[in-house]
Amino acid sequence: QRGREFVAMRIMTFIAQQFLKGGKPPARPEMSTSLGVPSQLASQVLGSLLSAKLLVEVAGDDGGYVPSRPLDKITVEDILHSLRVGQGHELATRDEPVRAIIRAEYERILLAEMQTAGAVSLQSLATRAQSLPPQEAKSVAVAA
């Protein structure tokens, strides 16, 4: 799940960068290649982002995606929420005293995460990304 959430943030930032530059709305194959994301995963993540109404698909030669609202009105919280909604139901587990303790801590952790995520806009991510120097495509060596 964390991997999907990270990919969603990468895709949304990529789209926002193109939007800020006034570039052509990127299509899924372009994003998959540019970000190094498998096409099927990109398609699944884009489906979630579209369902959450964070993106709009536009017609054109290859089709493409644009943000559905101003970049400063889309937060990382929105992006994370789009992938977490509808992912099944939470198991209740046995109702015992330790469950209440764990539930309270879990809710506290989620609240802290969402407060932080809600403070980061897509505008700020895209602007920061735009300020970086262009990178050459590098192959990443994986340590065993």
Protein backbone atom coordinates (compact mmCIF):
# COMPACT_ATOMS: atom_id res chain seq x y z
CA GLN A 1 0.00 0.00 0.00
CA ARG A 2 2.80 2.42 0.86
CA GLY A 3 4.30 1.83 -2.57
CA ARG A 4 1.02 2.68 -4.27
CA GLU A 5 0.70 5.83 -2.19
CA PHE A 6 4.23 6.92 -3.12
CA VAL A 7 3.50 6.26 -6.81
CA ALA A 8 0.32 8.35 -6.52
CA MET A 9 2.33 11.24 -5.10
CA ARG A 10 4.89 10.90 -7.92
CA ILE A 11 2.18 10.81 -10.59
CA MET A 12 0.30 13.78 -9.15
CA THR A 13 3.51 15.80 -8.87
CA PHE A 14 4.49 14.90 -12.45
CA ILE A 15 1.09 16.02 -13.73
CA ALA A 16 1.28 19.21 -11.65
CA GLN A 17 4.73 20.03 -13.04
CA GLN A 18 3.46 19.69 -16.61
CA PHE A 19 0.46 21.82 -15.69
CA LEU A 20 2.66 24.57 -14.18
CA LYS A 21 4.86 24.62 -17.30
CA GLY A 22 1.79 24.89 -19.52
CA GLY A 23 2.82 21.61 -21.12
CA LYS A 24 0.69 19.00 -22.80
CA PRO A 25 -1.31 16.89 -20.31
CA PRO A 26 0.76 13.75 -19.80
CA ALA A 27 -0.62 10.38 -20.86
CA ARG A 28 -0.21 7.18 -18.83
CA PRO A 29 2.53 5.66 -21.05
CA GLU A 30 4.63 8.83 -20.78
CA MET A 31 4.27 8.89 -16.99
CA SER A 32 5.07 5.18 -16.68
CA THR A 33 8.26 5.62 -18.67
CA SER A 34 9.35 8.91 -17.09
CA LEU A 35 8.73 7.74 -13.53
CA GLY A 36 9.81 4.12 -13.97
CA VAL A 37 6.41 2.84 -12.84
CA PRO A 38 4.90 -0.35 -14.32
CA SER A 39 2.07 0.54 -16.70
CA GLN A 40 -0.50 -1.61 -14.88
CA LEU A 41 0.33 0.00 -11.52
CA ALA A 42 0.13 3.48 -13.07
CA SER A 43 -3.26 2.58 -14.53
CA GLN A 44 -4.59 1.36 -11.16
CA VAL A 45 -3.32 4.45 -9.33
CA LEU A 46 -4.71 6.79 -12.01
CA GLY A 47 -8.07 5.04 -11.65
CA SER A 48 -8.11 5.80 -7.93
CA LEU A 49 -7.09 9.42 -8.50
CA LEU A 50 -9.80 9.83 -11.14
CA SER A 51 -12.43 8.23 -8.87
CA ALA A 52 -11.46 10.64 -6.10
CA LYS A 53 -11.88 13.51 -8.57
CA LEU A 54 -8.31 14.70 -8.10
CA LEU A 55 -7.64 14.35 -11.83
CA VAL A 56 -9.59 14.83 -15.02
CA GLU A 57 -8.86 12.87 -18.17
CA VAL A 58 -8.67 15.10 -21.23
CA ALA A 59 -9.21 14.12 -24.83
CA GLY A 60 -6.47 14.55 -27.36
CA ASP A 61 -4.10 12.59 -29.55
CA ASP A 62 -2.98 10.33 -26.71
CA GLY A 63 -5.30 11.59 -24.02
CA GLY A 64 -3.82 12.88 -20.81
CA TYR A 65 -4.49 14.01 -17.28
CA VAL A 66 -4.79 17.38 -15.57
CA PRO A 67 -5.54 18.35 -11.98
CA SER A 68 -9.26 18.72 -11.32
CA ARG A 69 -8.86 21.83 -9.19
CA PRO A 70 -6.19 24.42 -8.37
CA LEU A 71 -2.92 22.85 -7.22
CA ASP A 72 -3.00 24.68 -3.90
CA LYS A 73 -6.38 23.04 -3.19
CA ILE A 74 -5.05 19.47 -3.51
CA THR A 75 -3.08 18.15 -0.55
CA VAL A 76 -1.03 15.05 0.08
CA GLU A 77 -3.83 14.07 2.45
CA ASP A 78 -6.24 14.09 -0.51
CA ILE A 79 -3.88 11.90 -2.51
CA LEU A 80 -3.36 9.38 0.30
CA HIS A 81 -7.07 9.32 1.06
CA SER A 82 -7.86 8.54 -2.60
CA LEU A 83 -5.90 5.31 -2.38
CA ARG A 84 -7.13 4.30 1.06
CA VAL A 85 -10.86 4.68 0.49
CA GLY A 86 -12.61 1.54 -0.64
CA GLN A 87 -9.69 -0.75 0.14
CA GLY A 88 -11.88 -3.13 2.09
CA HIS A 89 -13.17 -3.02 5.62
CA GLU A 90 -11.17 -3.01 8.78
CA LEU A 91 -11.21 -6.18 10.83
CA ALA A 92 -12.77 -5.54 14.20
CA THR A 93 -10.76 -8.14 16.17
CA ARG A 94 -11.87 -9.40 19.56
CA ASP A 95 -13.37 -6.77 21.87
CA GLU A 96 -11.05 -6.77 24.86
CA PRO A 97 -9.33 -4.03 26.92
CA VAL A 98 -6.08 -4.05 24.92
CA ARG A 99 -8.08 -3.43 21.73
CA ALA A 100 -9.19 0.00 23.03
CA ILE A 101 -5.59 0.96 23.87
CA ILE A 102 -4.30 -0.08 20.46
CA ARG A 103 -7.25 1.60 18.68
CA ALA A 104 -6.59 4.90 20.49
CA GLU A 105 -2.88 4.87 19.60
CA TYR A 106 -3.59 3.87 16.02
CA GLU A 107 -6.08 6.72 15.63
CA ARG A 108 -3.58 9.15 17.18
CA ILE A 109 -0.90 8.08 14.68
CA LEU A 110 -3.29 8.39 11.72
CA LEU A 111 -4.38 11.84 12.88
CA ALA A 112 -0.77 13.04 13.09
CA GLU A 113 -0.07 11.65 9.64
CA MET A 114 -3.10 13.30 8.09
CA GLN A 115 -2.40 16.64 9.80
CA THR A 116 1.09 16.64 8.28
CA ALA A 117 -0.19 15.45 4.89
CA GLY A 118 -2.91 18.08 4.91
CA ALA A 119 -0.32 20.82 5.31
CA VAL A 120 1.52 19.89 2.08
CA SER A 121 -0.12 21.04 -1.12
CA LEU A 122 0.44 19.69 -4.61
CA GLN A 123 1.41 23.25 -5.52
CA SER A 124 4.32 23.19 -3.06
CA LEU A 125 5.50 19.74 -4.20
CA ALA A 126 5.40 20.71 -7.88
CA THR A 127 7.10 24.05 -7.26
CA ARG A 128 9.89 22.39 -5.29
CA ALA A 129 10.26 19.73 -7.99
CA GLN A 130 10.44 22.41 -10.72
CA SER A 131 13.36 24.09 -8.92
CA LEU A 132 15.55 20.97 -9.10
CA PRO A 133 18.09 20.67 -11.92
CA PRO A 134 17.13 18.16 -14.64
CA GLN A 135 18.45 14.67 -13.97
CA GLU A 136 19.82 12.16 -16.40
CA ALA A 137 18.15 8.77 -16.29
CA LYS A 138 20.29 6.57 -14.08
CA SER A 139 20.20 2.88 -13.50
CA VAL A 140 19.92 2.08 -9.83
CA ALA A 141 22.11 -0.65 -8.43
CA VAL A 142 20.36 -2.73 -5.82
CA ALA A 143 22.48 -3.95 -2.94
CA ALA A 144 22.00 -7.56 -1.96
